[in-house]
Every structure is written in C-alpha cells, then in structure tokens.
Amino acid sequence: MTAKKNEVYPLRMEGYGSSGEGVARLNGQAVFVKGALAGELCRVQLLKVGKSAAWGRVAEVVEPSPHRQIPDCPQYPKCGGCQLRHMTYEEETELKRRRVQDALQRIGGWEGTVEVIHAAKEPDRYRNKIQFPVADGPRVGFFRARSHDVIDAADCLLQPFPATRLRTAFKGWMETYHIPAYDEKAHQGLIRHFYVRVNRAGESLCAVIANGKTLPHKNALIQALRSAEPGLVGVVLSVNTDKTNVILGKTCHTLWGRDYLEDTLCGLTFRLSVPSFYQVNRDQAEVLYGRALDFAGLTGKETVLDLYCGIGTITLCMARKAKRAIGAEVVPAAVEDARANAARNGVDNAEFFCADAGQAALALAQRGIRPDVICVDPPRKGISAEVIQAIVQMSPQRLVYVSCDPATLARDVKLLGEQGYQLIKAEAADLFPRTHHVETVVLMSRVEK
C-alpha cells in the first residue's frame, strides 16, 4: 500500500523526532506527526509524502498518552515560541535526555548513556530577554510558527511579568499616537521590534528597534514605560534601516536612563548592553556552567582556553579555579565587554582577544601555548574542521564541549574521536523549557598512546 497525501491512517507513535514531534511507521516509512506523543494511537492525515519520510497532522487521538495535557497558553500552538505545551514537563525532559543520547550513540558512535538531564525548577517565566516583533494593527507579540505573521499576544508564559507590563504600555503608545509599524515587504513604516531585558533584581532595560533615526512622541513613550514598570532603568533606540531579518541595528542611542543592565551569574557580575549575548535562562545557565566547571577538573594549576567566549561568562568561571584562563571571541564588542567584566569582578588571571575560534586556536598553538583544558561553546553549527585540528595540535588533556545542538555535537564527538579524544561522560540541561531545544555538556579526554 502506497501512502497518499491527504489520506488518514491509524498510526502508533513509536518515539519522537528532533523537534518533539511524534514518529510512527507506515509501510516502513517514517511519519513525523506534530502534536503526537510517544505511545499514542492517532488517526493521522498526511500533509506531505516524500521518498524517505512523510509528515502529517493529528486528525484524532484514539488512545491518548498519560503524559498528554491541555496546553495552558491561549496562543499555543499558533505561536511558534513553544512546541511542547501539550505534554507534561516530565515527558519533555525525558524526550530531551533521549534525544541527546540517541544522537551521541547513532551519529557519534558512543556506547555510553546520558543518565542525567538537569530539569528546570521553574519551567515558566524564565526568559530574561524578549524580542517582540511588531506589525500593523498594531500587533505586538510573536511570530506564528514557520512564518513572519505576528500574533498579538498580551502575555507569554515564558517571559517575566515586567516584560508583559512594558509590552502593554508600548502597544498603548503606538495606538494613542498612531505610530506606524514596519512593513518588511514594502520596507516602509517605523517600528520593527520592541526589546526587553530583565535582570535578577527585577530591573529592566528597553529598546525600540526602528526603521529611522528618531522616534515621534518619545517623551510620551518614556513616561508610559516608566509608569508601567518602576524597575525600568533605561530606554534605547536601535536604528535598523537595512532590508534584513536581523533584529538589532548597528547603532544605538540612549533615549532615557542608561543603556545597560547588570546581572549576576555564578556569583559574578556582568554588564549587559542591548546587543550583549547572555543566556536567556539565568538559573539553568548556572547549572550548565557549574557542570562544565566540574567536568574541567581544575586544581588551580591549569591553563584553560575558552573558545567562543562571548562576554566571558564561562572564561571567568574557569579563571576562579585555574592558574590562567584565555578567552577568544570574534565579536569585538563582546571582547570589550569580557575584559570589562574581568576587571569588574577583580579577575586578574583571565585575558581575552578578538579572533574567530579557528584563528585563535592556531595563533595560540603557534605561540607555544598548550592549554591543559579547552572549553568550547559554539553556535548551533558546531565547530569547524579547522578548530578541531587546532585543538588536536594543542593536545589538551581534557576538552569540555557545551552544545546547543545534539546532532552537531555528536558529529564533532565522532571527528574528535578519530583524532584521539574519547567521550567520557555527557549530561543534558534544559535551558529552554516548553521548546524543543536542549543543551548538553560533555567531557572528552585525550587517549594516551
């Protein structure tokens, strides 16, 4: 029997795909079903049939999983921010633990098991940075899944309450003064995004991303935002007049207050400007970085190299337990922030320089620096062949790899394994509850020949 598009088939879900969708088999072919849970019997309408796989939607849940729940958000699943609110949090974390384990075993060739996933104590209201797209209406909210259609959302269960209050005040200002939203197709209109960052103390920083160098009625906006949120410390205008999907512009102007927040992470204080990279789940980042530090096994005698160091969060954590810590980052502003953060925290055994990971690793190798431990926390695409070769050339005893993508992590584990590094242990951490994303930290050790 050949599977046909739009036909409905009874299918039993055998597991999950990489985005949390249910996976079943039809005539030996994998069928990916959004919204279905492992173990469920569903009537599935096929939406697309390919040569090696098919994709469908749940027409009816015939035998529901005990882990199925009624989603607690009125925007779900229209909004693309969450993917897993139809399942219990316990099922979600098991899904993520298994996803990391399966990738490391299937792609990485590892024979071990991921025994631990560090679940979030608070799976809601954890995001400390929110970027609201804005559209005509005005609509201030979030993108519909797989589109640029903006859903007007009065609240989001992932964001802290100050962001909700500030978003309401911002939308009210747009309505009162008839401020036009940006139209990305016509490249006309003014307001592109509204940005909020909140720190541990409850202070907040706002940015308006605009297709222009000035804002009309800016004093009224500032007053509205300050009245809505007493903890507001600054309002910034980010100028983005380019035809691009990149959110922030290249220049920022402070409209009121200051242009940064300070926050604490792992006992260190960091200054965060609007463009600064910072983990959006502070509490879980502390767990993840704590495990990375434990995996590094520092005694105070080691030299540590932290590639992709950003504003220096992991580097400074390592520096407190190492003899010397070196951070490398390709973004000049981040390197400046990292140096300032080291000075702010009185860390005098950390140094930072600006280069991409491959260039940095090769430059240090040429200088004869042989780190005892290398830590990498790369973007989703993982580390390049150039970086792998440089790591192997420097020959650290231990490599700590922090990853936001199990598939590229597993690929790199396999490649490093071919160069003499063995995967010792791996743990998952849920930094993004109710979404399909998962972080992993692994320890690899050089095999003595």
Protein backbone atom coordinates (compact mmCIF):
# COMPACT_ATOMS: atom_id res chain seq x y z
CA MET A 1 0.00 0.00 0.00
CA THR A 2 1.42 3.38 -1.05
CA ALA A 3 0.95 6.28 1.35
CA LYS A 4 -1.07 9.11 -0.19
CA LYS A 5 -1.21 12.78 0.63
CA ASN A 6 -4.38 13.92 2.49
CA GLU A 7 -5.35 10.33 3.35
CA VAL A 8 -5.94 9.47 7.02
CA TYR A 9 -4.17 6.46 8.57
CA PRO A 10 -4.26 4.94 12.08
CA LEU A 11 -0.68 5.10 13.39
CA ARG A 12 1.00 4.20 16.67
CA MET A 13 3.71 6.66 17.76
CA GLU A 14 6.99 4.90 18.44
CA GLY A 15 9.03 7.86 19.66
CA TYR A 16 9.96 11.48 18.97
CA GLY A 17 11.73 13.45 16.27
CA SER A 18 14.31 16.16 16.84
CA SER A 19 11.63 18.86 17.18
CA GLY A 20 9.47 16.90 19.61
CA GLU A 21 7.03 15.63 17.02
CA GLY A 22 5.70 12.09 17.25
CA VAL A 23 7.25 9.48 14.95
CA ALA A 24 5.37 6.49 13.55
CA ARG A 25 5.92 3.99 10.74
CA LEU A 26 3.75 3.47 7.68
CA ASN A 27 4.86 0.69 5.35
CA GLY A 28 8.33 1.02 6.81
CA GLN A 29 8.44 4.75 6.14
CA ALA A 30 8.93 7.25 8.97
CA VAL A 31 5.98 9.59 9.53
CA PHE A 32 6.54 12.75 11.59
CA VAL A 33 3.41 13.97 13.34
CA LYS A 34 3.37 17.35 15.08
CA GLY A 35 1.48 17.29 18.37
CA ALA A 36 1.51 13.50 18.80
CA LEU A 37 3.06 11.82 21.84
CA ALA A 38 5.07 8.61 22.06
CA GLY A 39 2.85 5.58 22.59
CA GLU A 40 -0.32 7.22 21.30
CA LEU A 41 -2.57 5.72 18.66
CA CYS A 42 -3.67 8.56 16.38
CA ARG A 43 -5.56 8.97 13.17
CA VAL A 44 -3.06 10.93 11.10
CA GLN A 45 -3.73 12.93 7.95
CA LEU A 46 -0.68 13.02 5.72
CA LEU A 47 0.25 16.52 4.58
CA LYS A 48 3.40 15.68 2.67
CA VAL A 49 4.77 12.39 1.37
CA GLY A 50 8.42 12.21 0.37
CA LYS A 51 10.62 9.38 -0.86
CA SER A 52 12.06 8.55 2.55
CA ALA A 53 9.61 10.12 5.01
CA ALA A 54 6.16 11.64 5.38
CA TRP A 55 4.69 14.41 7.51
CA GLY A 56 1.22 14.61 8.95
CA ARG A 57 -1.13 16.14 11.48
CA VAL A 58 -3.24 14.59 14.23
CA ALA A 59 -6.81 14.21 13.00
CA GLU A 60 -7.86 12.34 16.17
CA VAL A 61 -6.14 10.96 19.25
CA VAL A 62 -7.64 7.49 19.62
CA GLU A 63 -5.56 6.32 22.60
CA PRO A 64 -4.00 9.30 24.42
CA SER A 65 -0.75 9.12 26.34
CA PRO A 66 -0.94 9.60 30.12
CA HIS A 67 1.59 12.41 29.53
CA ARG A 68 -0.79 14.42 27.34
CA GLN A 69 -2.13 17.62 28.91
CA ILE A 70 -4.30 20.55 27.89
CA PRO A 71 -1.98 23.41 26.85
CA ASP A 72 -2.02 26.25 29.38
CA CYS A 73 -1.38 29.04 26.85
CA PRO A 74 -4.13 30.54 24.65
CA GLN A 75 -1.61 31.23 21.87
CA TYR A 76 -0.45 27.60 21.68
CA PRO A 77 0.20 26.14 19.14
CA LYS A 78 -0.36 29.11 16.80
CA CYS A 79 2.66 30.95 18.23
CA GLY A 80 5.99 29.45 17.24
CA GLY A 81 7.68 30.10 20.58
CA CYS A 82 6.73 26.82 22.29
CA GLN A 83 6.45 23.34 20.80
CA LEU A 84 5.82 21.07 23.80
CA ARG A 85 3.00 22.52 25.92
CA HIS A 86 0.76 19.57 25.05
CA MET A 87 2.89 17.20 27.18
CA THR A 88 3.88 17.06 30.83
CA TYR A 89 7.21 18.55 31.79
CA GLU A 90 8.42 15.12 32.94
CA GLU A 91 7.81 13.72 29.45
CA GLU A 92 9.52 16.74 27.90
CA THR A 93 12.71 16.29 29.87
CA GLU A 94 12.82 12.55 29.14
CA LEU A 95 12.32 13.34 25.44
CA LYS A 96 15.30 15.70 25.55
CA ARG A 97 17.54 13.32 27.50
CA ARG A 98 16.82 10.56 24.99
CA ARG A 99 17.34 12.92 22.05
CA VAL A 100 20.86 13.74 23.25
CA GLN A 101 21.64 10.08 23.97
CA ASP A 102 20.33 8.90 20.59
CA ALA A 103 22.39 11.50 18.72
CA LEU A 104 25.59 10.62 20.58
CA GLN A 105 25.04 6.91 20.01
CA ARG A 106 23.73 6.99 16.43
CA ILE A 107 25.89 9.79 14.99
CA GLY A 108 28.77 9.93 17.44
CA GLY A 109 29.27 6.19 17.80
CA TRP A 110 29.25 6.41 21.60
CA GLU A 111 28.33 3.30 23.56
CA GLY A 112 27.51 5.11 26.80
CA THR A 113 24.26 6.54 28.15
CA VAL A 114 23.14 10.02 29.13
CA GLU A 115 21.97 9.32 32.64
CA VAL A 116 21.26 12.90 33.73
CA ILE A 117 19.18 15.76 32.44
CA HIS A 118 19.09 18.83 34.64
CA ALA A 119 15.43 19.86 34.59
CA ALA A 120 14.40 23.43 35.32
CA LYS A 121 12.92 24.12 38.73
CA GLU A 122 10.78 26.81 37.07
CA PRO A 123 9.75 25.87 33.51
CA ASP A 124 7.80 29.12 33.05
CA ARG A 125 8.70 32.83 33.21
CA TYR A 126 12.40 32.08 32.79
CA ARG A 127 13.40 34.23 29.80
CA ASN A 128 15.38 37.32 30.74
CA LYS A 129 15.34 38.72 27.19
CA ILE A 130 12.29 39.11 24.96
CA GLN A 131 12.16 40.49 21.42
CA PHE A 132 8.62 41.30 20.30
CA PRO A 133 8.07 41.65 16.54
CA VAL A 134 5.67 44.46 15.64
CA ALA A 135 3.18 44.56 12.76
CA ASP A 136 0.33 46.74 11.54
CA GLY A 137 -2.64 46.94 13.88
CA PRO A 138 -0.57 47.39 15.89
CA ARG A 139 0.21 43.80 16.78
CA VAL A 140 2.98 43.32 19.31
CA GLY A 141 3.71 39.70 20.10
CA PHE A 142 5.35 36.73 18.45
CA PHE A 143 5.65 35.12 15.05
CA ARG A 144 3.22 32.42 14.04
CA ALA A 145 5.04 29.12 13.62
CA ARG A 146 7.12 28.99 10.42
CA SER A 147 6.01 32.46 9.27
CA HIS A 148 6.50 36.18 9.78
CA ASP A 149 2.84 36.71 10.60
CA VAL A 150 2.75 38.44 14.01
CA ILE A 151 0.33 37.14 16.65
CA ASP A 152 -0.74 39.88 19.07
CA ALA A 153 -0.01 38.39 22.50
CA ALA A 154 -0.95 40.20 25.71
CA ASP A 155 1.20 37.79 27.72
CA CYS A 156 3.63 34.91 27.28
CA LEU A 157 4.24 32.21 29.86
CA LEU A 158 7.96 32.19 29.07
CA GLN A 159 8.52 35.86 29.85
CA PRO A 160 8.75 37.66 33.22
CA PHE A 161 5.90 39.95 34.29
CA PRO A 162 7.88 43.20 33.76
CA ALA A 163 8.08 42.36 30.06
CA THR A 164 4.30 41.86 29.94
CA ARG A 165 3.66 45.24 31.54
CA LEU A 166 6.16 47.04 29.32
CA ARG A 167 4.77 45.45 26.17
CA THR A 168 1.25 46.62 27.09
CA ALA A 169 2.47 50.19 27.65
CA PHE A 170 4.42 50.16 24.39
CA LYS A 171 1.44 48.98 22.37
CA GLY A 172 -0.73 51.62 24.03
CA TRP A 173 1.74 54.32 22.97
CA MET A 174 1.63 53.08 19.37
CA GLU A 175 -2.19 53.11 19.40
CA THR A 176 -2.50 56.54 21.03
CA TYR A 177 -0.12 58.30 18.66
CA HIS A 178 -0.82 56.18 15.56
CA ILE A 179 2.80 55.09 15.26
CA PRO A 180 3.21 53.01 12.07
CA ALA A 181 4.65 49.50 12.23
CA TYR A 182 7.35 48.44 9.80
CA ASP A 183 6.32 46.52 6.68
CA GLU A 184 9.24 44.30 5.70
CA LYS A 185 7.94 43.67 2.18
CA ALA A 186 7.46 47.35 1.33
CA HIS A 187 10.37 48.50 3.55
CA GLN A 188 8.11 51.21 4.93
CA GLY A 189 6.86 52.13 8.38
CA LEU A 190 8.80 52.73 11.57
CA ILE A 191 8.62 50.19 14.42
CA ARG A 192 10.24 46.81 13.75
CA HIS A 193 10.67 45.23 17.21
CA PHE A 194 10.31 46.02 20.89
CA TYR A 195 13.00 44.53 23.14
CA VAL A 196 13.04 43.95 26.91
CA ARG A 197 15.81 42.60 29.12
CA VAL A 198 15.23 41.88 32.84
CA ASN A 199 17.86 41.09 35.49
CA ARG A 200 17.78 39.04 38.67
CA ALA A 201 16.89 42.12 40.75
CA GLY A 202 13.82 42.84 38.60
CA GLU A 203 15.33 45.83 36.81
CA SER A 204 14.56 46.14 33.11
CA LEU A 205 16.05 47.74 30.00
CA CYS A 206 14.01 48.50 26.86
CA ALA A 207 15.00 49.02 23.25
CA VAL A 208 12.86 50.15 20.34
CA ILE A 209 14.14 48.85 17.01
CA ALA A 210 13.12 51.34 14.35
CA ASN A 211 13.42 51.95 10.64
CA GLY A 212 14.53 55.52 11.37
CA LYS A 213 16.91 57.65 13.43
CA THR A 214 14.28 59.34 15.62
CA LEU A 215 11.02 58.48 17.37
CA PRO A 216 7.95 60.72 17.37
CA HIS A 217 6.44 61.41 20.80
CA LYS A 218 9.44 59.81 22.50
CA ASN A 219 8.84 61.61 25.79
CA ALA A 220 5.31 60.17 25.94
CA LEU A 221 6.77 56.71 25.31
CA ILE A 222 9.34 57.10 28.06
CA GLN A 223 6.68 58.27 30.51
CA ALA A 224 4.36 55.39 29.60
CA LEU A 225 7.12 52.80 30.05
CA ARG A 226 8.32 54.28 33.35
CA SER A 227 4.77 54.39 34.71
CA ALA A 228 4.19 50.77 33.71
CA GLU A 229 7.40 49.43 35.24
CA PRO A 230 9.09 51.16 38.20
CA GLY A 231 12.17 48.96 37.76
CA LEU A 232 12.92 50.36 34.31
CA VAL A 233 16.46 51.77 34.14
CA GLY A 234 16.78 52.82 30.51
CA VAL A 235 15.20 53.16 27.07
CA VAL A 236 17.35 52.76 23.96
CA LEU A 237 16.68 53.38 20.26
CA SER A 238 18.29 50.80 17.96
CA VAL A 239 18.42 52.14 14.40
CA ASN A 240 17.91 49.46 11.74
CA THR A 241 17.17 50.86 8.28
CA ASP A 242 18.51 47.85 6.38
CA LYS A 243 16.45 45.40 4.34
CA THR A 244 17.23 42.48 6.61
CA ASN A 245 15.76 39.94 9.03
CA VAL A 246 18.46 40.81 11.56
CA ILE A 247 16.66 42.34 14.54
CA LEU A 248 19.08 44.87 16.04
CA GLY A 249 20.57 47.76 14.11
CA LYS A 250 24.24 48.69 14.01
CA THR A 251 23.85 51.86 16.11
CA CYS A 252 22.06 52.57 19.39
CA HIS A 253 21.08 55.85 21.04
CA THR A 254 20.02 56.21 24.65
CA LEU A 255 16.66 57.98 24.88
CA TRP A 256 16.46 57.95 28.67
CA GLY A 257 18.37 56.49 31.62
CA ARG A 258 21.26 54.14 30.98
CA ASP A 259 21.98 51.71 28.15
CA TYR A 260 22.88 48.63 30.18
CA LEU A 261 21.82 46.28 32.95
CA GLU A 262 24.00 44.49 35.46
CA ASP A 263 23.23 40.91 36.39
CA THR A 264 24.81 38.18 38.49
CA LEU A 265 25.64 34.73 37.18
CA CYS A 266 27.62 32.10 39.09
CA GLY A 267 28.50 34.71 41.68
CA LEU A 268 29.97 37.08 39.08
CA THR A 269 28.59 40.43 37.93
CA PHE A 270 28.11 41.10 34.22
CA ARG A 271 27.24 44.32 32.43
CA LEU A 272 24.76 43.71 29.63
CA SER A 273 24.18 46.16 26.81
CA VAL A 274 21.35 45.67 24.31
CA PRO A 275 23.44 43.58 21.86
CA SER A 276 25.28 41.54 24.52
CA PHE A 277 24.89 37.76 24.28
CA TYR A 278 23.72 36.29 27.57
CA GLN A 279 21.94 33.04 28.33
CA VAL A 280 18.19 33.77 28.48
CA ASN A 281 17.65 31.26 31.31
CA ARG A 282 19.95 32.51 34.05
CA ASP A 283 19.19 29.83 36.64
CA GLN A 284 19.73 26.93 34.25
CA ALA A 285 22.84 28.58 32.79
CA GLU A 286 24.32 28.47 36.28
CA VAL A 287 23.63 24.74 36.41
CA LEU A 288 25.14 24.19 32.94
CA TYR A 289 28.25 26.25 33.64
CA GLY A 290 28.64 24.59 37.01
CA ARG A 291 28.74 21.18 35.36
CA ALA A 292 31.20 22.44 32.74
CA LEU A 293 33.44 23.66 35.56
CA ASP A 294 33.18 20.29 37.33
CA PHE A 295 34.00 18.45 34.10
CA ALA A 296 37.10 20.63 33.64
CA GLY A 297 38.53 19.18 36.87
CA LEU A 298 40.57 22.26 37.72
CA THR A 299 43.01 22.29 40.63
CA GLY A 300 44.45 25.81 40.30
CA LYS A 301 47.48 24.77 38.25
CA GLU A 302 45.92 24.64 34.79
CA THR A 303 45.79 26.90 31.76
CA VAL A 304 42.28 26.96 30.28
CA LEU A 305 41.34 28.11 26.78
CA ASP A 306 37.70 29.12 26.25
CA LEU A 307 36.75 29.36 22.57
CA TYR A 308 33.57 31.23 21.55
CA CYS A 309 33.79 33.04 24.90
CA GLY A 310 31.22 35.81 24.27
CA ILE A 311 31.24 38.30 27.14
CA GLY A 312 33.42 35.96 29.19
CA THR A 313 30.89 34.12 31.34
CA ILE A 314 32.49 30.65 31.15
CA THR A 315 36.04 32.04 30.98
CA LEU A 316 35.63 33.95 34.23
CA CYS A 317 34.00 30.95 35.93
CA MET A 318 37.00 28.83 34.90
CA ALA A 319 39.50 31.52 35.90
CA ARG A 320 38.47 31.27 39.54
CA LYS A 321 39.64 27.65 39.64
CA ALA A 322 42.52 27.79 37.14
CA LYS A 323 46.01 29.29 37.09
CA ARG A 324 45.28 31.11 33.81
CA ALA A 325 42.22 31.46 31.57
CA ILE A 326 42.21 32.69 27.98
CA GLY A 327 39.04 33.61 26.11
CA ALA A 328 38.65 34.09 22.36
CA GLU A 329 35.67 35.66 20.58
CA VAL A 330 35.11 37.01 17.06
CA VAL A 331 32.79 39.89 18.04
CA PRO A 332 34.87 42.96 19.06
CA ALA A 333 32.19 44.45 21.33
CA ALA A 334 31.88 41.15 23.19
CA VAL A 335 35.64 41.06 23.77
CA GLU A 336 35.48 44.59 25.19
CA ASP A 337 32.63 43.50 27.46
CA ALA A 338 34.59 40.42 28.53
CA ARG A 339 37.63 42.49 29.52
CA ALA A 340 35.43 44.93 31.41
CA ASN A 341 33.67 42.04 33.17
CA ALA A 342 37.02 40.61 34.26
CA ALA A 343 38.03 43.99 35.72
CA ARG A 344 34.61 44.45 37.34
CA ASN A 345 34.95 41.13 39.14
CA GLY A 346 38.59 41.55 40.09
CA VAL A 347 39.69 38.59 37.97
CA ASP A 348 43.32 39.23 37.02
CA ASN A 349 44.26 35.81 35.61
CA ALA A 350 41.96 36.00 32.57
CA GLU A 351 42.83 37.50 29.19
CA PHE A 352 40.73 37.95 26.07
CA PHE A 353 41.49 38.52 22.42
CA CYS A 354 39.44 39.02 19.30
CA ALA A 355 39.59 36.29 16.65
CA ASP A 356 37.39 33.52 15.38
CA ALA A 357 37.83 30.18 17.09
CA GLY A 358 39.98 28.66 14.37
CA GLN A 359 42.34 31.64 14.12
CA ALA A 360 42.56 31.92 17.90
CA ALA A 361 43.41 28.28 18.40
CA LEU A 362 46.05 28.32 15.65
CA ALA A 363 47.60 31.57 16.95
CA LEU A 364 47.92 30.16 20.46
CA ALA A 365 49.36 26.93 19.13
CA GLN A 366 51.96 28.92 17.16
CA ARG A 367 52.86 30.83 20.36
CA GLY A 368 53.54 27.54 22.03
CA ILE A 369 50.62 27.80 24.46
CA ARG A 370 49.49 24.35 25.46
CA PRO A 371 46.27 24.58 27.48
CA ASP A 372 45.55 21.77 29.87
CA VAL A 373 41.80 22.20 29.29
CA ILE A 374 39.93 23.62 26.32
CA CYS A 375 36.28 24.61 26.63
CA VAL A 376 34.12 25.25 23.56
CA ASP A 377 30.58 26.62 23.46
CA PRO A 378 29.97 27.04 19.72
CA PRO A 379 26.87 28.19 17.82
CA ARG A 380 24.39 25.66 16.51
CA LYS A 381 26.58 24.70 13.54
CA GLY A 382 29.21 23.26 15.89
CA ILE A 383 32.97 23.54 15.47
CA SER A 384 34.78 23.59 12.13
CA ALA A 385 37.40 21.15 10.89
CA GLU A 386 39.95 23.96 11.33
CA VAL A 387 39.09 24.31 15.02
CA ILE A 388 39.22 20.54 15.54
CA GLN A 389 42.70 20.41 14.00
CA ALA A 390 43.89 23.29 16.15
CA ILE A 391 42.53 21.63 19.30
CA VAL A 392 44.31 18.41 18.39
CA GLN A 393 47.52 20.33 17.71
CA MET A 394 47.42 21.92 21.17
CA SER A 395 46.67 18.49 22.64
CA PRO A 396 44.82 19.41 25.88
CA GLN A 397 44.28 16.61 28.35
CA ARG A 398 40.59 17.46 28.67
CA LEU A 399 38.04 19.03 26.35
CA VAL A 400 34.74 20.35 27.71
CA TYR A 401 32.15 20.83 24.95
CA VAL A 402 28.98 22.81 25.69
CA SER A 403 26.45 22.38 22.90
CA CYS A 404 23.04 23.71 21.90
CA ASP A 405 22.53 21.12 19.12
CA PRO A 406 22.82 17.37 19.79
CA ALA A 407 23.35 16.49 16.12
CA THR A 408 26.34 18.76 15.50
CA LEU A 409 27.74 17.83 18.92
CA ALA A 410 27.57 14.15 18.00
CA ARG A 411 29.22 14.81 14.63
CA ASP A 412 32.08 16.66 16.35
CA VAL A 413 32.42 13.95 19.01
CA LYS A 414 32.94 11.42 16.24
CA LEU A 415 35.51 13.60 14.48
CA LEU A 416 37.38 14.28 17.72
CA GLY A 417 37.26 10.58 18.49
CA GLU A 418 39.08 9.90 15.24
CA GLN A 419 41.78 12.33 16.43
CA GLY A 420 42.42 10.61 19.74
CA TYR A 421 39.76 12.01 22.11
CA GLN A 422 37.36 9.75 23.98
CA LEU A 423 33.94 10.79 25.25
CA ILE A 424 33.93 10.17 29.00
CA LYS A 425 30.54 11.48 30.09
CA ALA A 426 27.63 13.59 28.91
CA GLU A 427 24.80 15.37 30.67
CA ALA A 428 21.83 17.28 29.25
CA ALA A 429 20.42 20.52 30.66
CA ASP A 430 17.05 22.05 29.92
CA LEU A 431 17.67 25.76 29.40
CA PHE A 432 14.60 26.24 27.21
CA PRO A 433 11.59 24.52 28.82
CA ARG A 434 8.46 24.05 26.68
CA THR A 435 10.54 24.28 23.48
CA HIS A 436 12.36 21.50 21.62
CA HIS A 437 15.82 22.97 22.34
CA VAL A 438 18.23 21.24 24.71
CA GLU A 439 21.78 21.95 25.89
CA THR A 440 24.48 19.36 26.55
CA VAL A 441 27.84 19.37 28.28
CA VAL A 442 30.32 16.59 27.56
CA LEU A 443 33.79 15.72 28.78
CA MET A 444 36.32 14.29 26.32
CA SER A 445 39.77 13.10 27.35
CA ARG A 446 42.91 12.58 25.29
CA VAL A 447 43.68 8.92 24.87
CA GLU A 448 47.30 8.22 25.73
CA LYS A 449 49.04 6.26 23.01
